[in-house]
Amino acid sequence: MARQTGIIKISGTIDGVNFYKTKAGHLSRKAGGGFTSHAIKTKPNMRRVRENGTEFGRCSKSKKHFNQALRPFLCIHKDGTLHGRMMRRFTGLKKLDTVSARGERHVGQGIQTEEGKRLLRDFNFTPSCAVASFLSGTTHYDASNHTFTVTDFDVKQISFPTGATHIAVTLGVLHFDFDTNRYELQQSPPTYIDAQFTADTFSLQAPAPTLPGTAIAVIGVKFYQEVGGQFVVLRGKDTVGLLVVSVMD
């Protein structure tokens, strides 16, 4: 790399030399040393770049299908940070694959580890709508019959957003094959709760998915406004929430 010292500064390529401007000033270098598509695909010293690209693409594909699987819970949730946060989490899951060679690591292997399950279980899909804060009392998920139970529930602990008359709570049981990206989601009927809800216990039960894969149980909440006997979902960052409650092989 050389610095241009003449009175006239130029940009472009002349006689095999690249002239360009940076924050450090006007510089020049021999042409042909950059990251071209051909170089990335063929040069031995670009092997790590190829490996990283392959793994990133695989993570991106898994993230896309996983997001689609949860679309019934997140379809009206608008959060510009979700894509990036999910990609970082899926990349973290991939890094837990200590079995595959570099360039072949994938989320499916990482999710089989206990740390991988914890990473997915602890992921906060909806920071502006913390589901756990609406489920006061004690919660329990029984994976043997896909039942989620809340005891010692107190509706007074729920802060309803402006305009909301009800909160709907739904259990989702997702079987996701991280190797093939195939999935099946089953949902319980929603339980609608208003400010006059008197029960201190309620349960949700979802049908069992038949597709093999990692078993992931989630709780979704949506706030509604009752208008003329119809429930209209409210659209806002604090009106739709999703919580992972269980991740099992």
C-alpha atoms as a PDB file:
ATOM      1  CA  MET A   1       0.000   0.000   0.000  1.00  0.00           C
ATOM      2  CA  ALA A   2       1.365   3.430  -0.945  1.00  0.00           C
ATOM      3  CA  ARG A   3       0.216   6.984  -0.330  1.00  0.00           C
ATOM      4  CA  GLN A   4      -0.495   9.325  -3.260  1.00  0.00           C
ATOM      5  CA  THR A   5       1.700  12.439  -2.962  1.00  0.00           C
ATOM      6  CA  GLY A   6       1.041  14.292  -6.202  1.00  0.00           C
ATOM      7  CA  ILE A   7      -1.026  17.435  -6.532  1.00  0.00           C
ATOM      8  CA  ILE A   8      -3.713  15.623  -8.531  1.00  0.00           C
ATOM      9  CA  LYS A   9      -5.451  12.808  -6.630  1.00  0.00           C
ATOM     10  CA  ILE A  10      -7.099  10.048  -8.663  1.00  0.00           C
ATOM     11  CA  SER A  11      -9.351   7.071  -8.078  1.00  0.00           C
ATOM     12  CA  GLY A  12      -9.581   3.926 -10.173  1.00  0.00           C
ATOM     13  CA  THR A  13      -7.181   1.437 -11.741  1.00  0.00           C
ATOM     14  CA  ILE A  14      -4.299   2.374 -14.047  1.00  0.00           C
ATOM     15  CA  ASP A  15      -1.643  -0.065 -15.293  1.00  0.00           C
ATOM     16  CA  GLY A  16      -2.460  -2.650 -12.649  1.00  0.00           C
ATOM     17  CA  VAL A  17      -2.507  -0.177  -9.763  1.00  0.00           C
ATOM     18  CA  ASN A  18      -5.625   0.663  -7.714  1.00  0.00           C
ATOM     19  CA  PHE A  19      -5.973   4.298  -6.641  1.00  0.00           C
ATOM     20  CA  TYR A  20      -8.549   4.974  -3.939  1.00  0.00           C
ATOM     21  CA  LYS A  21      -9.517   7.350  -1.136  1.00  0.00           C
ATOM     22  CA  THR A  22      -9.890   6.395   2.541  1.00  0.00           C
ATOM     23  CA  LYS A  23     -10.157   8.265   5.807  1.00  0.00           C
ATOM     24  CA  ALA A  24      -6.369   8.010   5.990  1.00  0.00           C
ATOM     25  CA  GLY A  25      -6.004   9.826   2.694  1.00  0.00           C
ATOM     26  CA  HIS A  26      -5.450   8.940  -0.973  1.00  0.00           C
ATOM     27  CA  LEU A  27      -3.745   5.556  -1.294  1.00  0.00           C
ATOM     28  CA  SER A  28      -2.680   3.111  -3.986  1.00  0.00           C
ATOM     29  CA  ARG A  29      -1.914  -0.597  -4.177  1.00  0.00           C
ATOM     30  CA  LYS A  30      -1.323  -3.344  -6.703  1.00  0.00           C
ATOM     31  CA  ALA A  31      -4.576  -4.457  -8.303  1.00  0.00           C
ATOM     32  CA  GLY A  32      -5.907  -7.981  -7.984  1.00  0.00           C
ATOM     33  CA  GLY A  33      -5.346  -8.596  -4.293  1.00  0.00           C
ATOM     34  CA  GLY A  34      -8.909  -8.055  -3.137  1.00  0.00           C
ATOM     35  CA  PHE A  35     -11.711 -10.362  -2.098  1.00  0.00           C
ATOM     36  CA  THR A  36     -13.141 -11.345  -5.464  1.00  0.00           C
ATOM     37  CA  SER A  37     -15.753 -14.052  -5.860  1.00  0.00           C
ATOM     38  CA  HIS A  38     -13.314 -16.207  -7.805  1.00  0.00           C
ATOM     39  CA  ALA A  39     -10.603 -15.793  -5.175  1.00  0.00           C
ATOM     40  CA  ILE A  40     -12.947 -16.746  -2.356  1.00  0.00           C
ATOM     41  CA  LYS A  41     -14.036 -19.882  -4.204  1.00  0.00           C
ATOM     42  CA  THR A  42     -10.584 -21.053  -5.290  1.00  0.00           C
ATOM     43  CA  LYS A  43      -7.677 -19.632  -3.272  1.00  0.00           C
ATOM     44  CA  PRO A  44      -6.286 -21.860  -0.494  1.00  0.00           C
ATOM     45  CA  ASN A  45      -5.857 -18.871   1.827  1.00  0.00           C
ATOM     46  CA  MET A  46      -9.582 -18.174   1.501  1.00  0.00           C
ATOM     47  CA  ARG A  47     -10.558 -21.556   2.946  1.00  0.00           C
ATOM     48  CA  ARG A  48     -11.584 -20.061   6.289  1.00  0.00           C
ATOM     49  CA  VAL A  49     -13.772 -17.508   4.498  1.00  0.00           C
ATOM     50  CA  ARG A  50     -15.487 -20.323   2.583  1.00  0.00           C
ATOM     51  CA  GLU A  51     -16.013 -22.312   5.779  1.00  0.00           C
ATOM     52  CA  ASN A  52     -17.492 -19.340   7.619  1.00  0.00           C
ATOM     53  CA  GLY A  53     -19.767 -18.556   4.681  1.00  0.00           C
ATOM     54  CA  THR A  54     -21.076 -22.116   4.490  1.00  0.00           C
ATOM     55  CA  GLU A  55     -21.820 -22.246   8.206  1.00  0.00           C
ATOM     56  CA  PHE A  56     -23.435 -18.811   8.207  1.00  0.00           C
ATOM     57  CA  GLY A  57     -25.703 -19.785   5.323  1.00  0.00           C
ATOM     58  CA  ARG A  58     -26.757 -22.943   7.110  1.00  0.00           C
ATOM     59  CA  CYS A  59     -27.523 -20.997  10.311  1.00  0.00           C
ATOM     60  CA  SER A  60     -29.501 -18.425   8.356  1.00  0.00           C
ATOM     61  CA  LYS A  61     -31.626 -21.121   6.727  1.00  0.00           C
ATOM     62  CA  SER A  62     -32.400 -22.805  10.051  1.00  0.00           C
ATOM     63  CA  LYS A  63     -33.247 -19.461  11.635  1.00  0.00           C
ATOM     64  CA  LYS A  64     -35.603 -18.634   8.768  1.00  0.00           C
ATOM     65  CA  HIS A  65     -37.556 -21.888   9.092  1.00  0.00           C
ATOM     66  CA  PHE A  66     -37.599 -21.678  12.891  1.00  0.00           C
ATOM     67  CA  ASN A  67     -39.054 -18.196  12.686  1.00  0.00           C
ATOM     68  CA  GLN A  68     -41.681 -19.447  10.226  1.00  0.00           C
ATOM     69  CA  ALA A  69     -42.586 -22.261  12.620  1.00  0.00           C
ATOM     70  CA  LEU A  70     -43.383 -19.719  15.340  1.00  0.00           C
ATOM     71  CA  ARG A  71     -45.195 -17.341  13.001  1.00  0.00           C
ATOM     72  CA  PRO A  72     -48.639 -17.995  14.569  1.00  0.00           C
ATOM     73  CA  PHE A  73     -47.267 -16.413  17.750  1.00  0.00           C
ATOM     74  CA  LEU A  74     -45.161 -13.648  16.196  1.00  0.00           C
ATOM     75  CA  CYS A  75     -46.964 -12.756  12.950  1.00  0.00           C
ATOM     76  CA  ILE A  76     -48.089  -9.322  14.147  1.00  0.00           C
ATOM     77  CA  HIS A  77     -45.090  -8.629  16.376  1.00  0.00           C
ATOM     78  CA  LYS A  78     -42.871  -5.894  14.964  1.00  0.00           C
ATOM     79  CA  ASP A  79     -39.304  -5.786  16.267  1.00  0.00           C
ATOM     80  CA  GLY A  80     -36.454  -4.686  14.030  1.00  0.00           C
ATOM     81  CA  THR A  81     -33.901  -6.313  16.332  1.00  0.00           C
ATOM     82  CA  LEU A  82     -35.371  -9.829  16.297  1.00  0.00           C
ATOM     83  CA  HIS A  83     -33.644 -11.025  13.106  1.00  0.00           C
ATOM     84  CA  GLY A  84     -30.187 -10.008  14.275  1.00  0.00           C
ATOM     85  CA  ARG A  85     -30.696 -11.362  17.784  1.00  0.00           C
ATOM     86  CA  MET A  86     -31.937 -14.701  16.469  1.00  0.00           C
ATOM     87  CA  MET A  87     -28.996 -14.972  14.057  1.00  0.00           C
ATOM     88  CA  ARG A  88     -26.535 -14.364  16.892  1.00  0.00           C
ATOM     89  CA  ARG A  89     -28.252 -17.015  18.992  1.00  0.00           C
ATOM     90  CA  PHE A  90     -28.281 -19.560  16.147  1.00  0.00           C
ATOM     91  CA  THR A  91     -24.618 -18.822  15.430  1.00  0.00           C
ATOM     92  CA  GLY A  92     -23.949 -19.476  19.110  1.00  0.00           C
ATOM     93  CA  LEU A  93     -25.770 -22.803  18.849  1.00  0.00           C
ATOM     94  CA  LYS A  94     -23.662 -23.734  15.832  1.00  0.00           C
ATOM     95  CA  LYS A  95     -20.458 -23.017  17.739  1.00  0.00           C
ATOM     96  CA  LEU A  96     -21.471 -25.646  20.310  1.00  0.00           C
ATOM     97  CA  ASP A  97     -21.019 -28.310  17.622  1.00  0.00           C
ATOM     98  CA  THR A  98     -17.672 -29.815  18.621  1.00  0.00           C
ATOM     99  CA  VAL A  99     -18.208 -32.967  16.555  1.00  0.00           C
ATOM    100  CA  SER A 100     -18.311 -31.661  12.978  1.00  0.00           C
ATOM    101  CA  ALA A 101     -15.313 -30.312  11.076  1.00  0.00           C
ATOM    102  CA  ARG A 102     -15.010 -26.560  10.616  1.00  0.00           C
ATOM    103  CA  GLY A 103     -17.222 -25.557   7.720  1.00  0.00           C
ATOM    104  CA  GLU A 104     -19.650 -28.383   8.545  1.00  0.00           C
ATOM    105  CA  ARG A 105     -20.776 -27.256  12.002  1.00  0.00           C
ATOM    106  CA  HIS A 106     -24.521 -26.789  12.331  1.00  0.00           C
ATOM    107  CA  VAL A 107     -27.269 -25.859  14.759  1.00  0.00           C
ATOM    108  CA  GLY A 108     -28.675 -29.399  14.890  1.00  0.00           C
ATOM    109  CA  GLN A 109     -25.554 -30.707  16.585  1.00  0.00           C
ATOM    110  CA  GLY A 110     -25.300 -27.758  18.955  1.00  0.00           C
ATOM    111  CA  ILE A 111     -28.904 -28.025  20.144  1.00  0.00           C
ATOM    112  CA  GLN A 112     -28.209 -31.568  21.346  1.00  0.00           C
ATOM    113  CA  THR A 113     -25.961 -30.213  24.091  1.00  0.00           C
ATOM    114  CA  GLU A 114     -27.322 -29.043  27.434  1.00  0.00           C
ATOM    115  CA  GLU A 115     -25.808 -25.622  26.829  1.00  0.00           C
ATOM    116  CA  GLY A 116     -27.558 -25.477  23.456  1.00  0.00           C
ATOM    117  CA  LYS A 117     -30.922 -26.235  25.023  1.00  0.00           C
ATOM    118  CA  ARG A 118     -30.292 -23.558  27.644  1.00  0.00           C
ATOM    119  CA  LEU A 119     -29.381 -20.982  24.979  1.00  0.00           C
ATOM    120  CA  LEU A 120     -32.668 -21.567  23.160  1.00  0.00           C
ATOM    121  CA  ARG A 121     -34.728 -21.751  26.352  1.00  0.00           C
ATOM    122  CA  ASP A 122     -33.310 -18.457  27.627  1.00  0.00           C
ATOM    123  CA  PHE A 123     -33.737 -16.553  24.364  1.00  0.00           C
ATOM    124  CA  ASN A 124     -35.957 -13.492  24.828  1.00  0.00           C
ATOM    125  CA  PHE A 125     -38.118 -13.262  21.713  1.00  0.00           C
ATOM    126  CA  THR A 126     -40.146 -10.274  22.908  1.00  0.00           C
ATOM    127  CA  PRO A 127     -38.204  -8.031  25.330  1.00  0.00           C
ATOM    128  CA  SER A 128     -40.998  -5.431  25.320  1.00  0.00           C
ATOM    129  CA  CYS A 129     -43.597  -8.011  26.352  1.00  0.00           C
ATOM    130  CA  ALA A 130     -42.207 -10.245  29.093  1.00  0.00           C
ATOM    131  CA  VAL A 131     -44.550 -13.236  29.259  1.00  0.00           C
ATOM    132  CA  ALA A 132     -43.317 -14.357  32.677  1.00  0.00           C
ATOM    133  CA  SER A 133     -44.486 -11.072  34.213  1.00  0.00           C
ATOM    134  CA  PHE A 134     -48.096 -11.903  33.274  1.00  0.00           C
ATOM    135  CA  LEU A 135     -48.032 -15.413  34.745  1.00  0.00           C
ATOM    136  CA  SER A 136     -47.938 -14.655  38.443  1.00  0.00           C
ATOM    137  CA  GLY A 137     -47.822 -17.641  40.764  1.00  0.00           C
ATOM    138  CA  THR A 138     -46.274 -21.018  39.984  1.00  0.00           C
ATOM    139  CA  THR A 139     -45.982 -22.483  36.492  1.00  0.00           C
ATOM    140  CA  HIS A 140     -45.293 -26.064  35.448  1.00  0.00           C
ATOM    141  CA  TYR A 141     -44.973 -27.750  32.069  1.00  0.00           C
ATOM    142  CA  ASP A 142     -45.574 -31.510  31.866  1.00  0.00           C
ATOM    143  CA  ALA A 143     -43.891 -32.790  28.709  1.00  0.00           C
ATOM    144  CA  SER A 144     -45.496 -36.223  29.046  1.00  0.00           C
ATOM    145  CA  ASN A 145     -48.966 -34.892  28.215  1.00  0.00           C
ATOM    146  CA  HIS A 146     -48.104 -31.419  26.837  1.00  0.00           C
ATOM    147  CA  THR A 147     -49.863 -29.565  29.633  1.00  0.00           C
ATOM    148  CA  PHE A 148     -48.951 -26.168  31.059  1.00  0.00           C
ATOM    149  CA  THR A 149     -50.431 -25.293  34.445  1.00  0.00           C
ATOM    150  CA  VAL A 150     -50.484 -22.027  36.377  1.00  0.00           C
ATOM    151  CA  THR A 151     -51.342 -22.111  40.087  1.00  0.00           C
ATOM    152  CA  ASP A 152     -51.684 -19.300  42.649  1.00  0.00           C
ATOM    153  CA  PHE A 153     -52.589 -17.013  39.773  1.00  0.00           C
ATOM    154  CA  ASP A 154     -53.641 -13.445  40.557  1.00  0.00           C
ATOM    155  CA  VAL A 155     -55.075 -11.425  37.688  1.00  0.00           C
ATOM    156  CA  LYS A 156     -54.442  -8.217  39.631  1.00  0.00           C
ATOM    157  CA  GLN A 157     -50.738  -8.672  38.921  1.00  0.00           C
ATOM    158  CA  ILE A 158     -51.346  -8.105  35.200  1.00  0.00           C
ATOM    159  CA  SER A 159     -50.899  -4.597  33.870  1.00  0.00           C
ATOM    160  CA  PHE A 160     -53.226  -4.408  30.867  1.00  0.00           C
ATOM    161  CA  PRO A 161     -51.987  -2.100  28.068  1.00  0.00           C
ATOM    162  CA  THR A 162     -54.177   0.857  27.170  1.00  0.00           C
ATOM    163  CA  GLY A 163     -57.295  -0.350  25.359  1.00  0.00           C
ATOM    164  CA  ALA A 164     -56.858  -4.022  26.264  1.00  0.00           C
ATOM    165  CA  THR A 165     -59.767  -5.861  27.860  1.00  0.00           C
ATOM    166  CA  HIS A 166     -58.387  -9.410  27.684  1.00  0.00           C
ATOM    167  CA  ILE A 167     -55.139 -11.329  27.539  1.00  0.00           C
ATOM    168  CA  ALA A 168     -55.104 -14.640  25.662  1.00  0.00           C
ATOM    169  CA  VAL A 169     -52.620 -17.299  26.783  1.00  0.00           C
ATOM    170  CA  THR A 170     -51.769 -20.172  24.418  1.00  0.00           C
ATOM    171  CA  LEU A 171     -49.477 -23.188  24.691  1.00  0.00           C
ATOM    172  CA  GLY A 172     -47.548 -24.224  21.602  1.00  0.00           C
ATOM    173  CA  VAL A 173     -45.660 -27.506  21.216  1.00  0.00           C
ATOM    174  CA  LEU A 174     -43.173 -27.446  18.353  1.00  0.00           C
ATOM    175  CA  HIS A 175     -41.193 -30.384  17.010  1.00  0.00           C
ATOM    176  CA  PHE A 176     -38.344 -28.970  14.926  1.00  0.00           C
ATOM    177  CA  ASP A 177     -35.774 -31.052  13.039  1.00  0.00           C
ATOM    178  CA  PHE A 178     -32.702 -28.805  12.916  1.00  0.00           C
ATOM    179  CA  ASP A 179     -31.025 -31.099  10.366  1.00  0.00           C
ATOM    180  CA  THR A 180     -33.798 -30.926   7.758  1.00  0.00           C
ATOM    181  CA  ASN A 181     -35.584 -27.750   8.983  1.00  0.00           C
ATOM    182  CA  ARG A 182     -38.904 -29.595   8.899  1.00  0.00           C
ATOM    183  CA  TYR A 183     -41.316 -28.803  11.711  1.00  0.00           C
ATOM    184  CA  GLU A 184     -44.782 -29.332  13.166  1.00  0.00           C
ATOM    185  CA  LEU A 185     -46.521 -26.961  15.573  1.00  0.00           C
ATOM    186  CA  GLN A 186     -49.543 -27.880  17.673  1.00  0.00           C
ATOM    187  CA  GLN A 187     -51.410 -25.339  19.802  1.00  0.00           C
ATOM    188  CA  SER A 188     -53.822 -25.418  22.704  1.00  0.00           C
ATOM    189  CA  PRO A 189     -57.056 -23.458  22.589  1.00  0.00           C
ATOM    190  CA  PRO A 190     -56.348 -20.005  24.053  1.00  0.00           C
ATOM    191  CA  THR A 191     -57.510 -19.078  27.528  1.00  0.00           C
ATOM    192  CA  TYR A 192     -58.975 -15.562  27.572  1.00  0.00           C
ATOM    193  CA  ILE A 193     -58.485 -13.661  30.813  1.00  0.00           C
ATOM    194  CA  ASP A 194     -60.049 -10.306  31.693  1.00  0.00           C
ATOM    195  CA  ALA A 195     -59.632  -8.071  34.729  1.00  0.00           C
ATOM    196  CA  GLN A 196     -62.542  -9.848  36.463  1.00  0.00           C
ATOM    197  CA  PHE A 197     -60.971 -13.315  36.122  1.00  0.00           C
ATOM    198  CA  THR A 198     -61.444 -15.039  39.488  1.00  0.00           C
ATOM    199  CA  ALA A 199     -59.770 -18.442  39.091  1.00  0.00           C
ATOM    200  CA  ASP A 200     -56.379 -18.898  40.702  1.00  0.00           C
ATOM    201  CA  THR A 201     -55.506 -21.946  38.569  1.00  0.00           C
ATOM    202  CA  PHE A 202     -55.747 -22.687  34.866  1.00  0.00           C
ATOM    203  CA  SER A 203     -54.234 -25.206  32.472  1.00  0.00           C
ATOM    204  CA  LEU A 204     -53.458 -25.396  28.766  1.00  0.00           C
ATOM    205  CA  GLN A 205     -53.025 -28.618  26.804  1.00  0.00           C
ATOM    206  CA  ALA A 206     -51.825 -29.008  23.216  1.00  0.00           C
ATOM    207  CA  PRO A 207     -52.032 -32.060  20.942  1.00  0.00           C
ATOM    208  CA  ALA A 208     -48.816 -34.016  20.500  1.00  0.00           C
ATOM    209  CA  PRO A 209     -46.907 -33.370  17.238  1.00  0.00           C
ATOM    210  CA  THR A 210     -46.086 -36.533  15.304  1.00  0.00           C
ATOM    211  CA  LEU A 211     -43.061 -35.258  13.367  1.00  0.00           C
ATOM    212  CA  PRO A 212     -39.722 -36.236  14.979  1.00  0.00           C
ATOM    213  CA  GLY A 213     -37.459 -33.455  16.161  1.00  0.00           C
ATOM    214  CA  THR A 214     -36.400 -31.350  19.106  1.00  0.00           C
ATOM    215  CA  ALA A 215     -39.462 -30.779  21.325  1.00  0.00           C
ATOM    216  CA  ILE A 216     -39.915 -27.101  22.171  1.00  0.00           C
ATOM    217  CA  ALA A 217     -42.776 -25.819  24.315  1.00  0.00           C
ATOM    218  CA  VAL A 218     -43.663 -22.129  24.172  1.00  0.00           C
ATOM    219  CA  ILE A 219     -46.225 -19.870  25.804  1.00  0.00           C
ATOM    220  CA  GLY A 220     -47.660 -17.074  23.720  1.00  0.00           C
ATOM    221  CA  VAL A 221     -49.679 -14.124  24.969  1.00  0.00           C
ATOM    222  CA  LYS A 222     -51.694 -11.567  23.026  1.00  0.00           C
ATOM    223  CA  PHE A 223     -53.712  -8.664  24.338  1.00  0.00           C
ATOM    224  CA  TYR A 224     -57.162  -8.095  22.856  1.00  0.00           C
ATOM    225  CA  GLN A 225     -59.920  -5.540  22.958  1.00  0.00           C
ATOM    226  CA  GLU A 226     -63.449  -6.922  23.022  1.00  0.00           C
ATOM    227  CA  VAL A 227     -65.632  -5.005  20.580  1.00  0.00           C
ATOM    228  CA  GLY A 228     -69.241  -6.087  20.103  1.00  0.00           C
ATOM    229  CA  GLY A 229     -68.513  -9.591  21.312  1.00  0.00           C
ATOM    230  CA  GLN A 230     -65.511  -9.945  18.990  1.00  0.00           C
ATOM    231  CA  PHE A 231     -61.877 -10.019  20.084  1.00  0.00           C
ATOM    232  CA  VAL A 232     -59.586  -7.633  18.202  1.00  0.00           C
ATOM    233  CA  VAL A 233     -55.869  -8.156  18.785  1.00  0.00           C
ATOM    234  CA  LEU A 234     -53.934  -5.039  19.716  1.00  0.00           C
ATOM    235  CA  ARG A 235     -50.838  -4.277  17.678  1.00  0.00           C
ATOM    236  CA  GLY A 236     -47.822  -3.078  19.594  1.00  0.00           C
ATOM    237  CA  LYS A 237     -44.478  -4.217  20.971  1.00  0.00           C
ATOM    238  CA  ASP A 238     -46.005  -4.675  24.423  1.00  0.00           C
ATOM    239  CA  THR A 239     -49.123  -6.560  23.300  1.00  0.00           C
ATOM    240  CA  VAL A 240     -47.606  -9.762  21.860  1.00  0.00           C
ATOM    241  CA  GLY A 241     -45.211 -11.989  23.784  1.00  0.00           C
ATOM    242  CA  LEU A 242     -43.512 -15.375  23.459  1.00  0.00           C
ATOM    243  CA  LEU A 243     -41.677 -17.450  26.060  1.00  0.00           C
ATOM    244  CA  VAL A 244     -39.846 -20.779  25.666  1.00  0.00           C
ATOM    245  CA  VAL A 245     -40.653 -23.013  28.638  1.00  0.00           C
ATOM    246  CA  SER A 246     -39.058 -26.312  27.617  1.00  0.00           C
ATOM    247  CA  VAL A 247     -36.498 -27.709  25.153  1.00  0.00           C
ATOM    248  CA  MET A 248     -36.050 -31.478  25.017  1.00  0.00           C
ATOM    249  CA  ASP A 249     -34.624 -34.097  22.633  1.00  0.00           C
END
